[in-house]
């Protein structure tokens, strides 16, 4: 059977050189090359959604691929698509880089300038490895083969707008619907998820920061399984230790979580750190929580502009969630959408200080009454974002959307109200 080879090469000259050699290999079936890291992950995800058998046996990653650095890209491919063998093409064939490439999940390394013999040998070895892995998967091995979980980040326009509450309830809704869910506190210095859920655990996200190979067992040792079933990865008790979680470490942690859970919700807080920026950049959905007041909305606008300047995320790829919404307030969701230039979630979360106070003070926010308008709205938001598993035969339009307390400004606008 021909070996399917997917080149990931950004440089036009390198594309021609690599594809020419690949086409000459025996039993090789090179597919159309991808030009950057985003296109590579999207292509593999689309193929994996059909079947693991649709994935190419070999991916050839050029050292100058971008925007994600080559080694970090290899790490993500290895975690999300374990049946795919990755070969790194690089001008640095030193033992140090070879070891680093192996640590990040590469199955081989080929030095530049390319040699037909070396490339043919590496492709053949990696293809045989990939076929062996797929044979193992077919026999029912416990290896993650899916497209990868959905990652949602929740950031605050400023402190105190309800980002942590939002993140917790989104995770609870996803878990309650039958999806395996991880909740991560990436507000590394002032994270409060442990307080909201009244849990104490000696492990934290910092324990994963220095680990280059986050295996399922290592990940399982770091997370805390809450009574609700949600897997918690908490912020460190000593805020200064948060500096140990670099952007590179955050990418590895998020990739590892994505490979093991269907839904990953990350509370990034209101202060931008390198780790939080990496999480927002990697997220499938990035939420920015604001309240309908001048100070918070200005903060949301500043955050959106900063993310854009730093090339973390474009405004149109960000979704603003309006918390503590009332019909009487002067600042309504359509105005916030206009000011920030973002999408705004159709579900606005109503103000509910009294119903929240007791659960927050007791650290039992997960036991919030099901009749709570705030809880119903946030679980409705989870449905809007596609985080909940809809029962078979249920109407798609419902998706938790008709719950009492949730407010959809789009429906009101379309209805003329």
Protein backbone atom coordinates (compact mmCIF):
# COMPACT_ATOMS: atom_id res chain seq x y z
CA UNK A 1 0.00 0.00 0.00
CA UNK A 2 1.38 3.46 -0.89
CA UNK A 3 2.70 5.60 1.95
CA UNK A 4 0.82 8.89 2.22
CA UNK A 5 3.20 11.73 3.01
CA UNK A 6 2.06 15.23 3.94
CA UNK A 7 4.77 17.95 3.67
CA UNK A 8 4.43 20.98 5.96
CA UNK A 9 6.73 23.56 4.41
CA UNK A 10 6.36 27.33 4.34
CA UNK A 11 9.22 28.26 2.00
CA UNK A 12 8.39 28.00 -1.72
CA UNK A 13 11.85 26.78 -2.76
CA UNK A 14 11.87 24.19 0.01
CA UNK A 15 8.41 23.01 -1.06
CA UNK A 16 9.65 22.27 -4.58
CA UNK A 17 12.78 20.51 -3.32
CA UNK A 18 10.97 18.31 -0.81
CA UNK A 19 7.99 17.41 -3.01
CA UNK A 20 10.30 16.52 -5.91
CA UNK A 21 12.28 14.09 -3.76
CA UNK A 22 9.17 12.65 -2.11
CA UNK A 23 7.59 11.93 -5.49
CA UNK A 24 10.64 9.82 -6.38
CA UNK A 25 10.42 7.57 -3.34
CA UNK A 26 9.17 4.02 -3.96
CA UNK A 27 5.52 3.43 -2.97
CA UNK A 28 5.22 7.07 -1.92
CA UNK A 29 1.98 9.02 -2.32
CA UNK A 30 2.78 12.68 -1.51
CA UNK A 31 -0.29 14.82 -0.90
CA UNK A 32 -0.64 18.55 -1.48
CA UNK A 33 1.70 20.40 0.93
CA UNK A 34 0.44 22.70 3.67
CA UNK A 35 2.16 26.05 4.18
CA UNK A 36 1.82 26.76 7.90
CA UNK A 37 1.13 25.15 11.27
CA UNK A 38 -2.53 26.16 11.34
CA UNK A 39 -3.24 24.58 7.98
CA UNK A 40 -1.45 21.39 9.04
CA UNK A 41 -3.50 20.96 12.23
CA UNK A 42 -6.75 21.83 10.43
CA UNK A 43 -5.99 19.32 7.66
CA UNK A 44 -5.17 16.51 10.09
CA UNK A 45 -8.24 17.33 12.20
CA UNK A 46 -10.52 17.17 9.16
CA UNK A 47 -9.10 13.81 8.11
CA UNK A 48 -9.19 12.37 11.65
CA UNK A 49 -12.85 13.37 11.96
CA UNK A 50 -13.57 10.92 9.13
CA UNK A 51 -11.36 8.07 10.33
CA UNK A 52 -7.87 7.44 11.65
CA UNK A 53 -7.29 5.50 8.43
CA UNK A 54 -7.68 8.73 6.45
CA UNK A 55 -4.64 10.29 8.11
CA UNK A 56 -1.29 10.29 6.26
CA UNK A 57 1.23 7.84 7.63
CA UNK A 58 4.02 10.44 7.55
CA UNK A 59 4.15 14.21 8.04
CA UNK A 60 7.35 16.00 7.03
CA UNK A 61 7.80 19.26 8.98
CA UNK A 62 10.33 21.82 7.74
CA UNK A 63 12.28 23.71 10.42
CA UNK A 64 11.04 27.11 9.17
CA UNK A 65 7.34 26.29 9.38
CA UNK A 66 5.30 28.88 11.27
CA UNK A 67 3.71 30.60 13.06
CA UNK A 68 4.02 27.86 15.70
CA UNK A 69 7.70 26.80 16.02
CA UNK A 70 8.54 23.43 14.46
CA UNK A 71 9.21 21.55 17.70
CA UNK A 72 6.03 22.79 19.35
CA UNK A 73 4.08 21.89 16.23
CA UNK A 74 5.55 18.38 16.34
CA UNK A 75 4.49 18.12 19.97
CA UNK A 76 0.89 19.03 19.12
CA UNK A 77 0.72 16.60 16.19
CA UNK A 78 2.15 13.79 18.34
CA UNK A 79 -0.37 14.42 21.11
CA UNK A 80 -3.46 14.93 18.97
CA UNK A 81 -2.73 12.44 16.19
CA UNK A 82 -0.64 9.63 17.71
CA UNK A 83 -1.02 7.41 14.63
CA UNK A 84 0.91 9.91 12.48
CA UNK A 85 4.71 9.72 12.30
CA UNK A 86 6.52 13.06 12.08
CA UNK A 87 9.89 13.71 10.42
CA UNK A 88 11.72 17.00 11.07
CA UNK A 89 13.73 18.47 8.20
CA UNK A 90 16.44 20.76 9.59
CA UNK A 91 19.81 22.27 8.86
CA UNK A 92 20.88 21.54 12.46
CA UNK A 93 21.61 17.81 12.74
CA UNK A 94 23.38 18.10 16.09
CA UNK A 95 22.80 15.44 18.78
CA UNK A 96 21.15 18.10 20.96
CA UNK A 97 18.48 18.93 18.40
CA UNK A 98 18.01 15.26 17.56
CA UNK A 99 17.29 14.50 21.21
CA UNK A 100 14.96 17.52 21.50
CA UNK A 101 13.04 16.43 18.39
CA UNK A 102 12.60 12.94 19.83
CA UNK A 103 11.48 14.38 23.18
CA UNK A 104 8.85 16.45 21.38
CA UNK A 105 7.47 13.40 19.58
CA UNK A 106 9.26 13.27 16.21
CA UNK A 107 9.92 9.81 14.82
CA UNK A 108 12.88 10.86 12.69
CA UNK A 109 15.16 13.72 11.61
CA UNK A 110 16.56 14.45 8.14
CA UNK A 111 19.39 16.95 7.62
CA UNK A 112 19.51 19.68 4.99
CA UNK A 113 20.52 19.66 2.21
CA UNK A 114 18.27 16.70 1.54
CA UNK A 115 19.70 13.36 0.56
CA UNK A 116 17.51 10.91 -1.35
CA UNK A 117 18.92 7.91 0.52
CA UNK A 118 18.49 9.45 3.96
CA UNK A 119 14.97 10.70 3.23
CA UNK A 120 13.91 7.34 1.76
CA UNK A 121 15.29 5.47 4.78
CA UNK A 122 13.57 7.73 7.30
CA UNK A 123 10.21 7.73 5.49
CA UNK A 124 10.22 3.95 5.23
CA UNK A 125 11.02 3.49 8.94
CA UNK A 126 8.44 6.03 10.11
CA UNK A 127 5.76 4.61 7.78
CA UNK A 128 6.32 1.13 9.22
CA UNK A 129 6.01 2.56 12.73
CA UNK A 130 2.76 4.32 11.81
CA UNK A 131 1.26 1.16 10.31
CA UNK A 132 2.15 -0.71 13.51
CA UNK A 133 0.45 1.92 15.68
CA UNK A 134 -2.70 1.75 13.56
CA UNK A 135 -2.75 -2.02 13.82
CA UNK A 136 -2.61 -1.58 17.60
CA UNK A 137 -5.44 0.95 17.51
CA UNK A 138 -7.51 -1.44 15.46
CA UNK A 139 -7.12 -4.08 18.17
CA UNK A 140 -8.74 -1.84 20.73
CA UNK A 141 -5.73 -0.24 22.36
CA UNK A 142 -6.46 2.58 24.75
CA UNK A 143 -4.97 5.36 22.62
CA UNK A 144 -6.71 8.64 21.93
CA UNK A 145 -7.59 8.74 18.22
CA UNK A 146 -10.03 11.60 18.00
CA UNK A 147 -9.71 14.99 16.47
CA UNK A 148 -8.87 16.48 19.86
CA UNK A 149 -11.04 18.18 22.44
CA UNK A 150 -12.53 21.65 22.23
CA UNK A 151 -10.52 24.29 24.11
CA UNK A 152 -12.36 27.35 25.42
CA UNK A 153 -10.59 30.15 27.25
CA UNK A 154 -12.43 32.57 29.54
CA UNK A 155 -10.79 35.93 30.23
CA UNK A 156 -12.03 38.95 32.14
CA UNK A 157 -12.18 42.47 30.76
CA UNK A 158 -11.13 43.51 34.28
CA UNK A 159 -11.06 41.91 37.68
CA UNK A 160 -14.38 40.99 39.26
CA UNK A 161 -16.54 40.70 36.12
CA UNK A 162 -17.30 36.99 36.64
CA UNK A 163 -14.80 35.16 34.44
CA UNK A 164 -14.12 32.41 36.99
CA UNK A 165 -17.82 31.80 37.67
CA UNK A 166 -18.41 31.61 33.92
CA UNK A 167 -15.56 29.13 33.38
CA UNK A 168 -16.74 26.88 36.22
CA UNK A 169 -20.34 26.73 35.07
CA UNK A 170 -19.38 26.08 31.44
CA UNK A 171 -17.25 23.14 32.60
CA UNK A 172 -20.01 21.81 34.84
CA UNK A 173 -22.54 22.01 32.00
CA UNK A 174 -20.24 20.16 29.61
CA UNK A 175 -19.49 17.42 32.16
CA UNK A 176 -23.16 17.03 33.13
CA UNK A 177 -24.09 16.47 29.49
CA UNK A 178 -21.76 13.47 29.29
CA UNK A 179 -18.57 14.99 27.94
CA UNK A 180 -15.25 14.40 29.69
CA UNK A 181 -14.20 17.86 30.83
CA UNK A 182 -11.11 19.51 32.29
CA UNK A 183 -11.18 22.90 34.02
CA UNK A 184 -7.84 24.72 34.20
CA UNK A 185 -6.96 27.70 36.40
CA UNK A 186 -4.45 29.64 34.29
CA UNK A 187 -4.94 32.77 36.42
CA UNK A 188 -1.61 31.80 37.89
CA UNK A 189 -1.17 34.41 40.62
CA UNK A 190 -4.72 35.05 41.80
CA UNK A 191 -6.69 31.99 40.63
CA UNK A 192 -9.80 31.23 42.69
CA UNK A 193 -11.25 28.05 41.22
CA UNK A 194 -10.13 26.05 44.27
CA UNK A 195 -11.94 28.51 46.55
CA UNK A 196 -15.12 28.51 44.48
CA UNK A 197 -15.23 24.69 44.66
CA UNK A 198 -13.79 24.37 48.20
CA UNK A 199 -11.03 21.95 47.22
CA UNK A 200 -7.49 21.54 48.49
CA UNK A 201 -4.96 19.69 46.39
CA UNK A 202 -1.19 19.61 46.57
CA UNK A 203 -0.69 19.41 42.79
CA UNK A 204 -1.05 22.38 40.44
CA UNK A 205 -0.41 23.45 36.88
CA UNK A 206 3.15 24.34 37.95
CA UNK A 207 3.95 20.65 38.46
CA UNK A 208 3.58 20.13 34.71
CA UNK A 209 5.61 23.17 33.67
CA UNK A 210 9.03 21.52 33.68
CA UNK A 211 7.94 18.21 32.16
CA UNK A 212 8.79 17.82 28.48
CA UNK A 213 6.80 14.62 27.98
CA UNK A 214 3.36 14.91 29.61
CA UNK A 215 2.17 11.31 29.47
CA UNK A 216 -1.41 10.32 30.40
CA UNK A 217 -0.14 9.02 33.75
CA UNK A 218 1.72 12.26 34.53
CA UNK A 219 -1.37 14.27 33.59
CA UNK A 220 -3.60 12.07 35.74
CA UNK A 221 -1.31 12.64 38.73
CA UNK A 222 -1.55 16.42 38.32
CA UNK A 223 -5.33 16.80 37.99
CA UNK A 224 -7.86 16.59 40.80
CA UNK A 225 -11.09 14.73 40.10
CA UNK A 226 -13.93 16.80 41.54
CA UNK A 227 -17.12 15.24 42.89
CA UNK A 228 -18.93 16.48 39.78
CA UNK A 229 -16.58 14.50 37.55
CA UNK A 230 -14.76 17.57 36.23
CA UNK A 231 -10.96 17.20 36.17
CA UNK A 232 -9.37 20.23 37.84
CA UNK A 233 -5.89 21.55 37.12
CA UNK A 234 -5.46 24.27 39.71
CA UNK A 235 -3.35 27.39 40.03
CA UNK A 236 -0.47 27.21 42.53
CA UNK A 237 -1.14 28.17 46.13
CA UNK A 238 1.94 30.40 46.03
CA UNK A 239 1.29 32.99 43.33
CA UNK A 240 4.96 33.68 42.66
CA UNK A 241 5.36 30.11 41.40
CA UNK A 242 3.11 30.98 38.49
CA UNK A 243 6.14 32.47 36.73
CA UNK A 244 7.39 28.91 36.17
CA UNK A 245 4.56 28.33 33.69
CA UNK A 246 6.00 29.80 30.49
CA UNK A 247 4.16 30.16 27.20
CA UNK A 248 5.96 27.07 25.94
CA UNK A 249 4.91 25.07 29.00
CA UNK A 250 1.33 26.31 28.58
CA UNK A 251 1.25 25.07 24.98
CA UNK A 252 2.40 21.62 26.07
CA UNK A 253 -0.13 21.49 28.91
CA UNK A 254 -3.05 22.61 26.74
CA UNK A 255 -2.09 20.13 24.00
CA UNK A 256 -1.89 17.30 26.53
CA UNK A 257 -5.30 18.18 27.98
CA UNK A 258 -6.85 18.52 24.54
CA UNK A 259 -5.68 15.01 23.69
CA UNK A 260 -7.36 13.47 26.78
CA UNK A 261 -10.59 15.42 27.29
CA UNK A 262 -13.51 16.29 25.04
CA UNK A 263 -13.83 19.78 26.53
CA UNK A 264 -11.09 21.90 28.13
CA UNK A 265 -12.18 25.15 29.80
CA UNK A 266 -9.37 27.52 30.84
CA UNK A 267 -9.81 30.45 33.21
CA UNK A 268 -7.18 32.99 32.11
CA UNK A 269 -8.15 35.74 34.55
CA UNK A 270 -7.94 39.45 33.73
CA UNK A 271 -4.15 39.89 33.59
CA UNK A 272 -2.36 38.73 30.47
CA UNK A 273 0.60 36.41 31.09
CA UNK A 274 2.69 34.52 28.58
CA UNK A 275 0.91 31.30 29.55
CA UNK A 276 -2.51 32.90 29.23
CA UNK A 277 -1.62 34.40 25.86
CA UNK A 278 -0.55 30.98 24.58
CA UNK A 279 -3.82 29.44 25.78
CA UNK A 280 -5.93 32.15 24.12
CA UNK A 281 -3.99 31.72 20.89
CA UNK A 282 -4.54 27.94 20.89
CA UNK A 283 -8.21 28.07 21.88
CA UNK A 284 -11.03 27.01 19.58
CA UNK A 285 -13.19 29.67 21.27
CA UNK A 286 -11.87 32.64 23.26
CA UNK A 287 -14.43 34.29 25.53
CA UNK A 288 -14.00 37.73 27.05
CA UNK A 289 -16.36 38.42 29.95
CA UNK A 290 -17.51 41.98 30.65
CA UNK A 291 -20.21 43.70 32.64
CA UNK A 292 -22.38 46.37 30.97
CA UNK A 293 -20.64 49.39 32.50
CA UNK A 294 -18.26 51.96 31.04
CA UNK A 295 -15.13 50.84 32.92
CA UNK A 296 -15.51 47.16 32.07
CA UNK A 297 -16.42 47.75 28.42
CA UNK A 298 -13.39 50.02 28.02
CA UNK A 299 -11.31 47.23 29.55
CA UNK A 300 -12.78 44.77 27.04
CA UNK A 301 -11.89 47.09 24.17
CA UNK A 302 -8.31 47.47 25.46
CA UNK A 303 -7.94 43.71 25.78
CA UNK A 304 -9.24 43.04 22.28
CA UNK A 305 -6.87 45.64 20.81
CA UNK A 306 -3.93 44.25 22.79
CA UNK A 307 -4.62 40.69 21.63
CA UNK A 308 -4.72 41.96 18.06
CA UNK A 309 -1.47 43.98 18.39
CA UNK A 310 0.33 40.99 19.90
CA UNK A 311 -1.13 38.74 17.20
CA UNK A 312 -2.71 36.54 19.83
CA UNK A 313 -6.24 36.72 18.48
CA UNK A 314 -8.23 38.88 16.09
CA UNK A 315 -11.27 40.79 17.30
CA UNK A 316 -13.62 38.86 15.00
CA UNK A 317 -12.32 35.59 16.50
CA UNK A 318 -13.23 36.69 20.03
CA UNK A 319 -16.64 36.31 21.68
CA UNK A 320 -17.70 38.75 24.39
CA UNK A 321 -20.00 37.45 27.12
CA UNK A 322 -22.12 40.07 28.88
CA UNK A 323 -22.52 39.31 32.59
CA UNK A 324 -24.88 41.01 35.09
CA UNK A 325 -27.11 42.16 32.27
CA UNK A 326 -30.34 44.01 32.96
CA UNK A 327 -32.82 45.46 30.54
CA UNK A 328 -32.59 48.81 32.31
CA UNK A 329 -28.88 49.39 31.79
CA UNK A 330 -27.89 51.97 29.20
CA UNK A 331 -25.13 49.79 27.74
CA UNK A 332 -26.72 46.86 25.90
CA UNK A 333 -24.99 43.95 24.07
CA UNK A 334 -25.34 45.46 20.55
CA UNK A 335 -23.48 48.57 21.71
CA UNK A 336 -20.74 46.43 23.29
CA UNK A 337 -20.43 44.53 20.02
CA UNK A 338 -20.01 47.80 18.14
CA UNK A 339 -17.44 49.18 20.59
CA UNK A 340 -15.26 46.05 20.76
CA UNK A 341 -15.62 44.85 17.18
CA UNK A 342 -16.10 41.30 18.43
CA UNK A 343 -18.89 38.79 18.27
CA UNK A 344 -21.17 38.92 21.33
CA UNK A 345 -22.76 35.79 22.75
CA UNK A 346 -26.50 35.67 22.15
CA UNK A 347 -26.99 34.53 25.75
CA UNK A 348 -26.51 37.36 28.23
CA UNK A 349 -26.12 36.45 31.91
CA UNK A 350 -28.48 38.29 34.26
CA UNK A 351 -27.42 39.93 37.51
CA UNK A 352 -27.99 37.63 40.46
CA UNK A 353 -26.04 38.75 43.51
CA UNK A 354 -28.44 37.28 46.08
CA UNK A 355 -28.72 33.83 44.53
CA UNK A 356 -24.93 33.56 44.15
CA UNK A 357 -23.74 34.92 47.50
CA UNK A 358 -24.45 31.87 49.65
CA UNK A 359 -22.93 29.37 47.20
CA UNK A 360 -19.84 31.53 46.68
CA UNK A 361 -19.24 32.07 50.41
CA UNK A 362 -19.60 28.34 51.09
CA UNK A 363 -17.28 27.41 48.23
CA UNK A 364 -20.08 25.28 46.76
CA UNK A 365 -20.74 27.07 43.50
CA UNK A 366 -21.26 23.66 41.89
CA UNK A 367 -24.34 23.23 44.09
CA UNK A 368 -25.99 26.38 42.78
CA UNK A 369 -29.75 25.84 42.58
CA UNK A 370 -30.93 24.63 39.18
CA UNK A 371 -33.62 27.30 39.34
CA UNK A 372 -30.95 29.99 39.49
CA UNK A 373 -31.32 32.38 36.56
CA UNK A 374 -27.54 32.82 36.47
CA UNK A 375 -26.91 29.08 36.28
CA UNK A 376 -29.56 28.59 33.61
CA UNK A 377 -28.07 31.38 31.53
CA UNK A 378 -24.52 30.05 31.82
CA UNK A 379 -25.61 26.51 30.97
CA UNK A 380 -27.51 28.03 28.08
CA UNK A 381 -24.27 29.71 27.01
CA UNK A 382 -22.56 26.30 27.12
CA UNK A 383 -25.20 25.04 24.72
CA UNK A 384 -24.74 28.04 22.45
CA UNK A 385 -21.00 27.37 22.32
CA UNK A 386 -21.54 23.69 21.47
CA UNK A 387 -19.91 22.42 24.67
CA UNK A 388 -22.81 20.20 25.74
CA UNK A 389 -23.73 16.86 24.25
CA UNK A 390 -27.26 17.09 22.86
CA UNK A 391 -29.32 13.93 23.48
CA UNK A 392 -30.22 11.98 20.35
CA UNK A 393 -33.51 13.16 18.93
CA UNK A 394 -33.42 16.47 20.79
CA UNK A 395 -34.12 19.56 18.76
CA UNK A 396 -30.96 21.35 17.79
CA UNK A 397 -32.53 24.71 18.46
CA UNK A 398 -33.01 23.94 22.14
CA UNK A 399 -29.41 23.26 23.24
CA UNK A 400 -30.24 24.65 26.68
CA UNK A 401 -31.36 27.89 25.05
CA UNK A 402 -34.93 28.19 26.29
CA UNK A 403 -34.05 28.13 29.98
CA UNK A 404 -35.59 30.71 32.22
CA UNK A 405 -33.20 33.53 33.00
CA UNK A 406 -31.13 33.42 29.84
CA UNK A 407 -31.48 36.49 27.65
CA UNK A 408 -30.92 36.41 23.91
CA UNK A 409 -30.56 39.98 22.64
CA UNK A 410 -30.44 38.72 19.06
CA UNK A 411 -33.90 37.20 19.30
CA UNK A 412 -35.26 40.36 20.87
CA UNK A 413 -33.63 42.46 18.16
CA UNK A 414 -35.02 40.28 15.37
CA UNK A 415 -38.44 40.43 16.98
CA UNK A 416 -38.30 44.19 17.23
CA UNK A 417 -38.20 44.17 21.05
